[in-house]
Amino acid sequence: MKSRIALLTLLLGLFFAVPAFADDSADGVSAASHGNGTRLLDDKGATFLGAAIGAGLVIMGGAAGIGRVGSSAAESMARQPEAAGSINGISLLCAAMIEGATLFAVVVCLLALIF
């Protein structure tokens, strides 16, 4: 019950905080640009932070996936030693697929820095 109240409080706080960051044109400068003509969206700080967090999460997910594949393969080889060759091949194939998806996702995260 306490977690629901905390979540509701957080959501309401975020909902009412959005207008606080709205256009404040009292000084004649719109919120979309600085006074010198550069746009606020050209600031890459949030992009760098998002790309770093995204790449880190992808790496952690890929490592967890490969760990689970290795753990399951070792357990199944211990249970059936006669099938160890085929289990080893399948687990290596699965680990390679996870690694490829992880590499692709990291590249996508880092491409956010370029565009």
PDB file of N, CA and C in Angstrom:
ATOM      1  N   MET A   1       0.821  -1.191   0.000  1.00  0.00           N
ATOM      2  CA  MET A   1       0.000   0.000   0.000  1.00  0.00           C
ATOM      3  C   MET A   1       0.865   1.254   0.000  1.00  0.00           C
ATOM      4  N   LYS A   2       1.967   1.215   0.769  1.00  0.00           N
ATOM      5  CA  LYS A   2       2.840   2.379   0.828  1.00  0.00           C
ATOM      6  C   LYS A   2       3.513   2.629  -0.520  1.00  0.00           C
ATOM      7  N   SER A   3       3.841   1.561  -1.232  1.00  0.00           N
ATOM      8  CA  SER A   3       4.500   1.744  -2.520  1.00  0.00           C
ATOM      9  C   SER A   3       3.540   2.360  -3.542  1.00  0.00           C
ATOM     10  N   ARG A   4       2.268   2.016  -3.465  1.00  0.00           N
ATOM     11  CA  ARG A   4       1.298   2.617  -4.374  1.00  0.00           C
ATOM     12  C   ARG A   4       1.133   4.101  -4.092  1.00  0.00           C
ATOM     13  N   ILE A   5       1.110   4.456  -2.824  1.00  0.00           N
ATOM     14  CA  ILE A   5       0.990   5.873  -2.464  1.00  0.00           C
ATOM     15  C   ILE A   5       2.225   6.629  -2.910  1.00  0.00           C
ATOM     16  N   ALA A   6       3.394   6.037  -2.728  1.00  0.00           N
ATOM     17  CA  ALA A   6       4.633   6.687  -3.158  1.00  0.00           C
ATOM     18  C   ALA A   6       4.650   6.853  -4.676  1.00  0.00           C
ATOM     19  N   LEU A   7       4.206   5.839  -5.398  1.00  0.00           N
ATOM     20  CA  LEU A   7       4.170   5.927  -6.859  1.00  0.00           C
ATOM     21  C   LEU A   7       3.178   6.995  -7.316  1.00  0.00           C
ATOM     22  N   LEU A   8       2.017   7.041  -6.687  1.00  0.00           N
ATOM     23  CA  LEU A   8       1.021   8.051  -7.027  1.00  0.00           C
ATOM     24  C   LEU A   8       1.545   9.450  -6.732  1.00  0.00           C
ATOM     25  N   THR A   9       2.223   9.616  -5.613  1.00  0.00           N
ATOM     26  CA  THR A   9       2.804  10.914  -5.268  1.00  0.00           C
ATOM     27  C   THR A   9       3.857  11.319  -6.285  1.00  0.00           C
ATOM     28  N   LEU A  10       4.691  10.386  -6.688  1.00  0.00           N
ATOM     29  CA  LEU A  10       5.708  10.677  -7.688  1.00  0.00           C
ATOM     30  C   LEU A  10       5.087  11.078  -9.018  1.00  0.00           C
ATOM     31  N   LEU A  11       4.095  10.338  -9.458  1.00  0.00           N
ATOM     32  CA  LEU A  11       3.449  10.657 -10.733  1.00  0.00           C
ATOM     33  C   LEU A  11       2.749  12.008 -10.690  1.00  0.00           C
ATOM     34  N   LEU A  12       2.073  12.290  -9.595  1.00  0.00           N
ATOM     35  CA  LEU A  12       1.420  13.595  -9.469  1.00  0.00           C
ATOM     36  C   LEU A  12       2.446  14.726  -9.427  1.00  0.00           C
ATOM     37  N   GLY A  13       3.549  14.493  -8.733  1.00  0.00           N
ATOM     38  CA  GLY A  13       4.611  15.497  -8.698  1.00  0.00           C
ATOM     39  C   GLY A  13       5.186  15.763 -10.072  1.00  0.00           C
ATOM     40  N   LEU A  14       5.403  14.715 -10.838  1.00  0.00           N
ATOM     41  CA  LEU A  14       5.909  14.894 -12.203  1.00  0.00           C
ATOM     42  C   LEU A  14       4.870  15.570 -13.094  1.00  0.00           C
ATOM     43  N   PHE A  15       3.610  15.228 -12.890  1.00  0.00           N
ATOM     44  CA  PHE A  15       2.543  15.819 -13.695  1.00  0.00           C
ATOM     45  C   PHE A  15       2.441  17.325 -13.462  1.00  0.00           C
ATOM     46  N   PHE A  16       2.566  17.741 -12.215  1.00  0.00           N
ATOM     47  CA  PHE A  16       2.455  19.161 -11.921  1.00  0.00           C
ATOM     48  C   PHE A  16       3.767  19.907 -12.102  1.00  0.00           C
ATOM     49  N   ALA A  17       4.879  19.195 -12.243  1.00  0.00           N
ATOM     50  CA  ALA A  17       6.163  19.857 -12.453  1.00  0.00           C
ATOM     51  C   ALA A  17       6.378  20.244 -13.905  1.00  0.00           C
ATOM     52  N   VAL A  18       5.667  19.596 -14.818  1.00  0.00           N
ATOM     53  CA  VAL A  18       5.853  19.882 -16.245  1.00  0.00           C
ATOM     54  C   VAL A  18       5.538  21.346 -16.579  1.00  0.00           C
ATOM     55  N   PRO A  19       4.448  21.940 -16.092  1.00  0.00           N
ATOM     56  CA  PRO A  19       4.206  23.349 -16.411  1.00  0.00           C
ATOM     57  C   PRO A  19       5.271  24.287 -15.858  1.00  0.00           C
ATOM     58  N   ALA A  20       6.002  23.864 -14.859  1.00  0.00           N
ATOM     59  CA  ALA A  20       7.057  24.708 -14.309  1.00  0.00           C
ATOM     60  C   ALA A  20       8.184  24.899 -15.307  1.00  0.00           C
ATOM     61  N   PHE A  21       8.349  23.972 -16.224  1.00  0.00           N
ATOM     62  CA  PHE A  21       9.396  24.081 -17.233  1.00  0.00           C
ATOM     63  C   PHE A  21       8.853  24.597 -18.564  1.00  0.00           C
ATOM     64  N   ALA A  22       7.658  25.135 -18.554  1.00  0.00           N
ATOM     65  CA  ALA A  22       7.047  25.650 -19.775  1.00  0.00           C
ATOM     66  C   ALA A  22       7.723  26.951 -20.177  1.00  0.00           C
ATOM     67  N   ASP A  23       7.245  27.537 -21.250  1.00  0.00           N
ATOM     68  CA  ASP A  23       7.831  28.744 -21.813  1.00  0.00           C
ATOM     69  C   ASP A  23       7.770  29.890 -20.815  1.00  0.00           C
ATOM     70  N   ASP A  24       8.933  30.376 -20.447  1.00  0.00           N
ATOM     71  CA  ASP A  24       9.037  31.513 -19.548  1.00  0.00           C
ATOM     72  C   ASP A  24       9.570  32.690 -20.364  1.00  0.00           C
ATOM     73  N   SER A  25       8.673  33.396 -21.001  1.00  0.00           N
ATOM     74  CA  SER A  25       9.104  34.467 -21.902  1.00  0.00           C
ATOM     75  C   SER A  25       9.026  35.833 -21.233  1.00  0.00           C
ATOM     76  N   ALA A  26       9.170  35.903 -19.934  1.00  0.00           N
ATOM     77  CA  ALA A  26       9.133  37.186 -19.242  1.00  0.00           C
ATOM     78  C   ALA A  26      10.354  38.024 -19.587  1.00  0.00           C
ATOM     79  N   ASP A  27      11.475  37.370 -19.878  1.00  0.00           N
ATOM     80  CA  ASP A  27      12.675  38.113 -20.213  1.00  0.00           C
ATOM     81  C   ASP A  27      12.834  38.329 -21.718  1.00  0.00           C
ATOM     82  N   GLY A  28      11.863  37.926 -22.509  1.00  0.00           N
ATOM     83  CA  GLY A  28      11.923  38.138 -23.950  1.00  0.00           C
ATOM     84  C   GLY A  28      12.634  37.042 -24.702  1.00  0.00           C
ATOM     85  N   VAL A  29      13.174  36.062 -24.002  1.00  0.00           N
ATOM     86  CA  VAL A  29      13.867  34.945 -24.628  1.00  0.00           C
ATOM     87  C   VAL A  29      12.970  33.732 -24.503  1.00  0.00           C
ATOM     88  N   SER A  30      12.656  33.099 -25.621  1.00  0.00           N
ATOM     89  CA  SER A  30      11.770  31.942 -25.550  1.00  0.00           C
ATOM     90  C   SER A  30      12.525  30.753 -24.978  1.00  0.00           C
ATOM     91  N   ALA A  31      11.768  29.779 -24.490  1.00  0.00           N
ATOM     92  CA  ALA A  31      12.379  28.594 -23.897  1.00  0.00           C
ATOM     93  C   ALA A  31      13.038  27.716 -24.949  1.00  0.00           C
ATOM     94  N   ALA A  32      12.706  27.928 -26.226  1.00  0.00           N
ATOM     95  CA  ALA A  32      13.268  27.097 -27.281  1.00  0.00           C
ATOM     96  C   ALA A  32      14.668  27.518 -27.686  1.00  0.00           C
ATOM     97  N   SER A  33      15.123  28.693 -27.250  1.00  0.00           N
ATOM     98  CA  SER A  33      16.456  29.118 -27.646  1.00  0.00           C
ATOM     99  C   SER A  33      17.086  29.948 -26.546  1.00  0.00           C
ATOM    100  N   HIS A  34      18.402  29.952 -26.533  1.00  0.00           N
ATOM    101  CA  HIS A  34      19.138  30.837 -25.642  1.00  0.00           C
ATOM    102  C   HIS A  34      19.127  32.223 -26.275  1.00  0.00           C
ATOM    103  N   GLY A  35      19.642  33.178 -25.591  1.00  0.00           N
ATOM    104  CA  GLY A  35      19.676  34.528 -26.136  1.00  0.00           C
ATOM    105  C   GLY A  35      20.577  34.666 -27.339  1.00  0.00           C
ATOM    106  N   ASN A  36      21.572  33.788 -27.505  1.00  0.00           N
ATOM    107  CA  ASN A  36      22.527  33.911 -28.608  1.00  0.00           C
ATOM    108  C   ASN A  36      22.114  33.140 -29.852  1.00  0.00           C
ATOM    109  N   GLY A  37      20.892  32.612 -29.880  1.00  0.00           N
ATOM    110  CA  GLY A  37      20.390  31.951 -31.077  1.00  0.00           C
ATOM    111  C   GLY A  37      20.571  30.444 -31.095  1.00  0.00           C
ATOM    112  N   THR A  38      21.307  29.878 -30.126  1.00  0.00           N
ATOM    113  CA  THR A  38      21.441  28.429 -30.098  1.00  0.00           C
ATOM    114  C   THR A  38      20.210  27.827 -29.450  1.00  0.00           C
ATOM    115  N   ARG A  39      19.814  26.693 -29.955  1.00  0.00           N
ATOM    116  CA  ARG A  39      18.603  26.044 -29.432  1.00  0.00           C
ATOM    117  C   ARG A  39      18.949  25.154 -28.247  1.00  0.00           C
ATOM    118  N   LEU A  40      18.017  25.053 -27.309  1.00  0.00           N
ATOM    119  CA  LEU A  40      18.230  24.211 -26.144  1.00  0.00           C
ATOM    120  C   LEU A  40      18.320  22.738 -26.526  1.00  0.00           C
ATOM    121  N   LEU A  41      17.634  22.341 -27.600  1.00  0.00           N
ATOM    122  CA  LEU A  41      17.668  20.947 -28.015  1.00  0.00           C
ATOM    123  C   LEU A  41      18.996  20.559 -28.641  1.00  0.00           C
ATOM    124  N   ASP A  42      19.830  21.547 -28.968  1.00  0.00           N
ATOM    125  CA  ASP A  42      21.150  21.246 -29.501  1.00  0.00           C
ATOM    126  C   ASP A  42      22.127  20.838 -28.403  1.00  0.00           C
ATOM    127  N   ASP A  43      21.737  20.996 -27.152  1.00  0.00           N
ATOM    128  CA  ASP A  43      22.577  20.587 -26.040  1.00  0.00           C
ATOM    129  C   ASP A  43      22.618  19.064 -25.990  1.00  0.00           C
ATOM    130  N   LYS A  44      23.802  18.493 -26.047  1.00  0.00           N
ATOM    131  CA  LYS A  44      23.948  17.041 -26.144  1.00  0.00           C
ATOM    132  C   LYS A  44      24.174  16.367 -24.799  1.00  0.00           C
ATOM    133  N   GLY A  45      24.069  17.083 -23.691  1.00  0.00           N
ATOM    134  CA  GLY A  45      24.333  16.489 -22.381  1.00  0.00           C
ATOM    135  C   GLY A  45      23.386  15.351 -22.058  1.00  0.00           C
ATOM    136  N   ALA A  46      22.089  15.570 -22.271  1.00  0.00           N
ATOM    137  CA  ALA A  46      21.113  14.520 -21.992  1.00  0.00           C
ATOM    138  C   ALA A  46      21.272  13.357 -22.965  1.00  0.00           C
ATOM    139  N   THR A  47      21.673  13.643 -24.194  1.00  0.00           N
ATOM    140  CA  THR A  47      21.890  12.582 -25.170  1.00  0.00           C
ATOM    141  C   THR A  47      23.052  11.693 -24.749  1.00  0.00           C
ATOM    142  N   PHE A  48      24.131  12.304 -24.271  1.00  0.00           N
ATOM    143  CA  PHE A  48      25.282  11.526 -23.812  1.00  0.00           C
ATOM    144  C   PHE A  48      24.905  10.664 -22.607  1.00  0.00           C
ATOM    145  N   LEU A  49      24.153  11.252 -21.684  1.00  0.00           N
ATOM    146  CA  LEU A  49      23.740  10.504 -20.499  1.00  0.00           C
ATOM    147  C   LEU A  49      22.817   9.349 -20.877  1.00  0.00           C
ATOM    148  N   GLY A  50      21.872   9.601 -21.756  1.00  0.00           N
ATOM    149  CA  GLY A  50      20.958   8.550 -22.185  1.00  0.00           C
ATOM    150  C   GLY A  50      21.662   7.436 -22.930  1.00  0.00           C
ATOM    151  N   ALA A  51      22.609   7.801 -23.788  1.00  0.00           N
ATOM    152  CA  ALA A  51      23.362   6.783 -24.527  1.00  0.00           C
ATOM    153  C   ALA A  51      24.222   5.949 -23.586  1.00  0.00           C
ATOM    154  N   ALA A  52      24.820   6.583 -22.596  1.00  0.00           N
ATOM    155  CA  ALA A  52      25.653   5.845 -21.645  1.00  0.00           C
ATOM    156  C   ALA A  52      24.807   4.900 -20.787  1.00  0.00           C
ATOM    157  N   ILE A  53      23.669   5.382 -20.309  1.00  0.00           N
ATOM    158  CA  ILE A  53      22.800   4.530 -19.503  1.00  0.00           C
ATOM    159  C   ILE A  53      22.245   3.383 -20.346  1.00  0.00           C
ATOM    160  N   GLY A  54      21.831   3.688 -21.578  1.00  0.00           N
ATOM    161  CA  GLY A  54      21.302   2.648 -22.463  1.00  0.00           C
ATOM    162  C   GLY A  54      22.336   1.589 -22.785  1.00  0.00           C
ATOM    163  N   ALA A  55      23.558   2.016 -23.095  1.00  0.00           N
ATOM    164  CA  ALA A  55      24.611   1.047 -23.407  1.00  0.00           C
ATOM    165  C   ALA A  55      24.937   0.191 -22.185  1.00  0.00           C
ATOM    166  N   GLY A  56      24.952   0.796 -21.012  1.00  0.00           N
ATOM    167  CA  GLY A  56      25.217   0.031 -19.796  1.00  0.00           C
ATOM    168  C   GLY A  56      24.137  -0.998 -19.518  1.00  0.00           C
ATOM    169  N   LEU A  57      22.875  -0.607 -19.695  1.00  0.00           N
ATOM    170  CA  LEU A  57      21.774  -1.550 -19.479  1.00  0.00           C
ATOM    171  C   LEU A  57      21.808  -2.693 -20.484  1.00  0.00           C
ATOM    172  N   VAL A  58      22.162  -2.381 -21.722  1.00  0.00           N
ATOM    173  CA  VAL A  58      22.243  -3.424 -22.747  1.00  0.00           C
ATOM    174  C   VAL A  58      23.342  -4.421 -22.412  1.00  0.00           C
ATOM    175  N   ILE A  59      24.485  -3.923 -21.984  1.00  0.00           N
ATOM    176  CA  ILE A  59      25.600  -4.808 -21.632  1.00  0.00           C
ATOM    177  C   ILE A  59      25.231  -5.686 -20.442  1.00  0.00           C
ATOM    178  N   MET A  60      24.556  -5.099 -19.447  1.00  0.00           N
ATOM    179  CA  MET A  60      24.151  -5.905 -18.287  1.00  0.00           C
ATOM    180  C   MET A  60      23.142  -6.981 -18.688  1.00  0.00           C
ATOM    181  N   GLY A  61      22.215  -6.647 -19.565  1.00  0.00           N
ATOM    182  CA  GLY A  61      21.243  -7.636 -20.024  1.00  0.00           C
ATOM    183  C   GLY A  61      21.887  -8.741 -20.829  1.00  0.00           C
ATOM    184  N   GLY A  62      22.815  -8.379 -21.704  1.00  0.00           N
ATOM    185  CA  GLY A  62      23.521  -9.395 -22.483  1.00  0.00           C
ATOM    186  C   GLY A  62      24.367 -10.304 -21.608  1.00  0.00           C
ATOM    187  N   ALA A  63      25.022  -9.729 -20.613  1.00  0.00           N
ATOM    188  CA  ALA A  63      25.827 -10.544 -19.702  1.00  0.00           C
ATOM    189  C   ALA A  63      24.952 -11.495 -18.901  1.00  0.00           C
ATOM    190  N   ALA A  64      23.786 -11.021 -18.477  1.00  0.00           N
ATOM    191  CA  ALA A  64      22.872 -11.895 -17.735  1.00  0.00           C
ATOM    192  C   ALA A  64      22.361 -13.027 -18.627  1.00  0.00           C
ATOM    193  N   GLY A  65      22.070 -12.713 -19.890  1.00  0.00           N
ATOM    194  CA  GLY A  65      21.603 -13.742 -20.818  1.00  0.00           C
ATOM    195  C   GLY A  65      22.647 -14.792 -21.099  1.00  0.00           C
ATOM    196  N   ILE A  66      23.873 -14.373 -21.345  1.00  0.00           N
ATOM    197  CA  ILE A  66      24.944 -15.328 -21.611  1.00  0.00           C
ATOM    198  C   ILE A  66      25.247 -16.149 -20.358  1.00  0.00           C
ATOM    199  N   GLY A  67      25.155 -15.534 -19.195  1.00  0.00           N
ATOM    200  CA  GLY A  67      25.349 -16.265 -17.942  1.00  0.00           C
ATOM    201  C   GLY A  67      24.303 -17.344 -17.754  1.00  0.00           C
ATOM    202  N   ARG A  68      23.066 -17.023 -18.096  1.00  0.00           N
ATOM    203  CA  ARG A  68      22.003 -18.028 -17.961  1.00  0.00           C
ATOM    204  C   ARG A  68      22.181 -19.157 -18.958  1.00  0.00           C
ATOM    205  N   VAL A  69      22.610 -18.828 -20.177  1.00  0.00           N
ATOM    206  CA  VAL A  69      22.861 -19.881 -21.175  1.00  0.00           C
ATOM    207  C   VAL A  69      23.981 -20.801 -20.693  1.00  0.00           C
ATOM    208  N   GLY A  70      25.061 -20.217 -20.187  1.00  0.00           N
ATOM    209  CA  GLY A  70      26.176 -21.032 -19.699  1.00  0.00           C
ATOM    210  C   GLY A  70      25.796 -21.885 -18.504  1.00  0.00           C
ATOM    211  N   SER A  71      25.021 -21.304 -17.599  1.00  0.00           N
ATOM    212  CA  SER A  71      24.582 -22.048 -16.422  1.00  0.00           C
ATOM    213  C   SER A  71      23.687 -23.223 -16.809  1.00  0.00           C
ATOM    214  N   SER A  72      22.739 -22.966 -17.699  1.00  0.00           N
ATOM    215  CA  SER A  72      21.835 -24.036 -18.129  1.00  0.00           C
ATOM    216  C   SER A  72      22.585 -25.113 -18.906  1.00  0.00           C
ATOM    217  N   ALA A  73      23.552 -24.688 -19.716  1.00  0.00           N
ATOM    218  CA  ALA A  73      24.321 -25.675 -20.479  1.00  0.00           C
ATOM    219  C   ALA A  73      25.158 -26.552 -19.555  1.00  0.00           C
ATOM    220  N   ALA A  74      25.795 -25.949 -18.563  1.00  0.00           N
ATOM    221  CA  ALA A  74      26.603 -26.736 -17.637  1.00  0.00           C
ATOM    222  C   ALA A  74      25.743 -27.704 -16.831  1.00  0.00           C
ATOM    223  N   GLU A  75      24.566 -27.230 -16.417  1.00  0.00           N
ATOM    224  CA  GLU A  75      23.674 -28.109 -15.657  1.00  0.00           C
ATOM    225  C   GLU A  75      23.167 -29.274 -16.505  1.00  0.00           C
ATOM    226  N   SER A  76      22.800 -28.969 -17.751  1.00  0.00           N
ATOM    227  CA  SER A  76      22.284 -30.052 -18.596  1.00  0.00           C
ATOM    228  C   SER A  76      23.392 -31.015 -19.013  1.00  0.00           C
ATOM    229  N   MET A  77      24.624 -30.541 -19.166  1.00  0.00           N
ATOM    230  CA  MET A  77      25.731 -31.458 -19.463  1.00  0.00           C
ATOM    231  C   MET A  77      26.034 -32.335 -18.268  1.00  0.00           C
ATOM    232  N   ALA A  78      25.849 -31.803 -17.057  1.00  0.00           N
ATOM    233  CA  ALA A  78      26.080 -32.619 -15.871  1.00  0.00           C
ATOM    234  C   ALA A  78      25.001 -33.690 -15.727  1.00  0.00           C
ATOM    235  N   ARG A  79      23.790 -33.373 -16.163  1.00  0.00           N
ATOM    236  CA  ARG A  79      22.697 -34.339 -16.050  1.00  0.00           C
ATOM    237  C   ARG A  79      22.796 -35.428 -17.124  1.00  0.00           C
ATOM    238  N   GLN A  80      23.214 -35.022 -18.347  1.00  0.00           N
ATOM    239  CA  GLN A  80      23.332 -35.988 -19.447  1.00  0.00           C
ATOM    240  C   GLN A  80      24.686 -35.820 -20.126  1.00  0.00           C
ATOM    241  N   PRO A  81      25.720 -36.450 -19.607  1.00  0.00           N
ATOM    242  CA  PRO A  81      27.064 -36.283 -20.184  1.00  0.00           C
ATOM    243  C   PRO A  81      27.182 -36.789 -21.621  1.00  0.00           C
ATOM    244  N   GLU A  82      26.332 -37.748 -22.018  1.00  0.00           N
ATOM    245  CA  GLU A  82      26.430 -38.270 -23.384  1.00  0.00           C
ATOM    246  C   GLU A  82      25.964 -37.258 -24.423  1.00  0.00           C
ATOM    247  N   ALA A  83      25.198 -36.247 -24.033  1.00  0.00           N
ATOM    248  CA  ALA A  83      24.717 -35.228 -24.968  1.00  0.00           C
ATOM    249  C   ALA A  83      25.514 -33.933 -24.861  1.00  0.00           C
ATOM    250  N   ALA A  84      26.687 -34.009 -24.253  1.00  0.00           N
ATOM    251  CA  ALA A  84      27.470 -32.793 -23.998  1.00  0.00           C
ATOM    252  C   ALA A  84      27.898 -32.100 -25.288  1.00  0.00           C
ATOM    253  N   GLY A  85      28.200 -32.857 -26.333  1.00  0.00           N
ATOM    254  CA  GLY A  85      28.642 -32.246 -27.592  1.00  0.00           C
ATOM    255  C   GLY A  85      27.565 -31.389 -28.232  1.00  0.00           C
ATOM    256  N   SER A  86      26.355 -31.916 -28.321  1.00  0.00           N
ATOM    257  CA  SER A  86      25.277 -31.144 -28.944  1.00  0.00           C
ATOM    258  C   SER A  86      24.833 -29.986 -28.050  1.00  0.00           C
ATOM    259  N   ILE A  87      24.854 -30.189 -26.741  1.00  0.00           N
ATOM    260  CA  ILE A  87      24.483 -29.098 -25.829  1.00  0.00           C
ATOM    261  C   ILE A  87      25.499 -27.971 -25.923  1.00  0.00           C
ATOM    262  N   ASN A  88      26.775 -28.321 -26.041  1.00  0.00           N
ATOM    263  CA  ASN A  88      27.824 -27.321 -26.155  1.00  0.00           C
ATOM    264  C   ASN A  88      27.658 -26.493 -27.425  1.00  0.00           C
ATOM    265  N   GLY A  89      27.364 -27.170 -28.522  1.00  0.00           N
ATOM    266  CA  GLY A  89      27.178 -26.439 -29.783  1.00  0.00           C
ATOM    267  C   GLY A  89      25.982 -25.512 -29.755  1.00  0.00           C
ATOM    268  N   ILE A  90      24.883 -25.985 -29.206  1.00  0.00           N
ATOM    269  CA  ILE A  90      23.679 -25.155 -29.130  1.00  0.00           C
ATOM    270  C   ILE A  90      23.898 -23.969 -28.206  1.00  0.00           C
ATOM    271  N   SER A  91      24.581 -24.202 -27.077  1.00  0.00           N
ATOM    272  CA  SER A  91      24.806 -23.092 -26.147  1.00  0.00           C
ATOM    273  C   SER A  91      25.745 -22.047 -26.742  1.00  0.00           C
ATOM    274  N   LEU A  92      26.750 -22.487 -27.500  1.00  0.00           N
ATOM    275  CA  LEU A  92      27.635 -21.523 -28.161  1.00  0.00           C
ATOM    276  C   LEU A  92      26.883 -20.715 -29.214  1.00  0.00           C
ATOM    277  N   LEU A  93      25.986 -21.354 -29.940  1.00  0.00           N
ATOM    278  CA  LEU A  93      25.178 -20.650 -30.927  1.00  0.00           C
ATOM    279  C   LEU A  93      24.272 -19.617 -30.254  1.00  0.00           C
ATOM    280  N   CYS A  94      23.631 -20.008 -29.157  1.00  0.00           N
ATOM    281  CA  CYS A  94      22.763 -19.073 -28.435  1.00  0.00           C
ATOM    282  C   CYS A  94      23.562 -17.910 -27.855  1.00  0.00           C
ATOM    283  N   ALA A  95      24.735 -18.200 -27.299  1.00  0.00           N
ATOM    284  CA  ALA A  95      25.571 -17.129 -26.751  1.00  0.00           C
ATOM    285  C   ALA A  95      26.022 -16.173 -27.846  1.00  0.00           C
ATOM    286  N   ALA A  96      26.332 -16.680 -29.027  1.00  0.00           N
ATOM    287  CA  ALA A  96      26.729 -15.823 -30.142  1.00  0.00           C
ATOM    288  C   ALA A  96      25.571 -14.936 -30.594  1.00  0.00           C
ATOM    289  N   MET A  97      24.361 -15.494 -30.596  1.00  0.00           N
ATOM    290  CA  MET A  97      23.199 -14.682 -30.974  1.00  0.00           C
ATOM    291  C   MET A  97      22.947 -13.576 -29.954  1.00  0.00           C
ATOM    292  N   ILE A  98      23.080 -13.897 -28.677  1.00  0.00           N
ATOM    293  CA  ILE A  98      22.905 -12.875 -27.636  1.00  0.00           C
ATOM    294  C   ILE A  98      23.981 -11.806 -27.761  1.00  0.00           C
ATOM    295  N   GLU A  99      25.198 -12.231 -28.021  1.00  0.00           N
ATOM    296  CA  GLU A  99      26.308 -11.276 -28.182  1.00  0.00           C
ATOM    297  C   GLU A  99      26.085 -10.371 -29.383  1.00  0.00           C
ATOM    298  N   GLY A 100      25.586 -10.925 -30.470  1.00  0.00           N
ATOM    299  CA  GLY A 100      25.305 -10.111 -31.652  1.00  0.00           C
ATOM    300  C   GLY A 100      24.205  -9.101 -31.405  1.00  0.00           C
ATOM    301  N   ALA A 101      23.149  -9.513 -30.727  1.00  0.00           N
ATOM    302  CA  ALA A 101      22.064  -8.579 -30.407  1.00  0.00           C
ATOM    303  C   ALA A 101      22.547  -7.494 -29.456  1.00  0.00           C
ATOM    304  N   THR A 102      23.400  -7.874 -28.512  1.00  0.00           N
ATOM    305  CA  THR A 102      23.954  -6.897 -27.571  1.00  0.00           C
ATOM    306  C   THR A 102      24.836  -5.890 -28.291  1.00  0.00           C
ATOM    307  N   LEU A 103      25.679  -6.367 -29.183  1.00  0.00           N
ATOM    308  CA  LEU A 103      26.543  -5.467 -29.939  1.00  0.00           C
ATOM    309  C   LEU A 103      25.721  -4.517 -30.802  1.00  0.00           C
ATOM    310  N   PHE A 104      24.676  -5.037 -31.432  1.00  0.00           N
ATOM    311  CA  PHE A 104      23.808  -4.189 -32.253  1.00  0.00           C
ATOM    312  C   PHE A 104      23.148  -3.108 -31.399  1.00  0.00           C
ATOM    313  N   ALA A 105      22.662  -3.481 -30.218  1.00  0.00           N
ATOM    314  CA  ALA A 105      21.997  -2.511 -29.352  1.00  0.00           C
ATOM    315  C   ALA A 105      22.969  -1.459 -28.840  1.00  0.00           C
ATOM    316  N   VAL A 106      24.200  -1.838 -28.534  1.00  0.00           N
ATOM    317  CA  VAL A 106      25.191  -0.854 -28.096  1.00  0.00           C
ATOM    318  C   VAL A 106      25.515   0.110 -29.228  1.00  0.00           C
ATOM    319  N   VAL A 107      25.635  -0.396 -30.443  1.00  0.00           N
ATOM    320  CA  VAL A 107      25.895   0.478 -31.591  1.00  0.00           C
ATOM    321  C   VAL A 107      24.743   1.457 -31.795  1.00  0.00           C
ATOM    322  N   VAL A 108      23.507   0.998 -31.631  1.00  0.00           N
ATOM    323  CA  VAL A 108      22.357   1.888 -31.752  1.00  0.00           C
ATOM    324  C   VAL A 108      22.405   2.961 -30.671  1.00  0.00           C
ATOM    325  N   CYS A 109      22.761   2.593 -29.445  1.00  0.00           N
ATOM    326  CA  CYS A 109      22.888   3.582 -28.368  1.00  0.00           C
ATOM    327  C   CYS A 109      23.967   4.607 -28.689  1.00  0.00           C
ATOM    328  N   LEU A 110      25.081   4.148 -29.226  1.00  0.00           N
ATOM    329  CA  LEU A 110      26.157   5.075 -29.533  1.00  0.00           C
ATOM    330  C   LEU A 110      25.868   5.910 -30.777  1.00  0.00           C
ATOM    331  N   LEU A 111      25.028   5.415 -31.671  1.00  0.00           N
ATOM    332  CA  LEU A 111      24.639   6.222 -32.827  1.00  0.00           C
ATOM    333  C   LEU A 111      23.779   7.408 -32.417  1.00  0.00           C
ATOM    334  N   ALA A 112      23.166   7.325 -31.258  1.00  0.00           N
ATOM    335  CA  ALA A 112      22.389   8.465 -30.755  1.00  0.00           C
ATOM    336  C   ALA A 112      23.293   9.667 -30.520  1.00  0.00           C
ATOM    337  N   LEU A 113      24.568   9.429 -30.301  1.00  0.00           N
ATOM    338  CA  LEU A 113      25.503  10.529 -30.093  1.00  0.00           C
ATOM    339  C   LEU A 113      25.788  11.277 -31.388  1.00  0.00           C
ATOM    340  N   ILE A 114      25.673  10.605 -32.501  1.00  0.00           N
ATOM    341  CA  ILE A 114      25.990  11.225 -33.792  1.00  0.00           C
ATOM    342  C   ILE A 114      24.821  12.039 -34.292  1.00  0.00           C
ATOM    343  N   PHE A 115      23.619  11.501 -34.126  1.00  0.00           N
ATOM    344  CA  PHE A 115      22.448  12.162 -34.690  1.00  0.00           C
ATOM    345  C   PHE A 115      21.726  12.928 -33.677  1.00  0.00           C
TER     346      PHE A 115
END
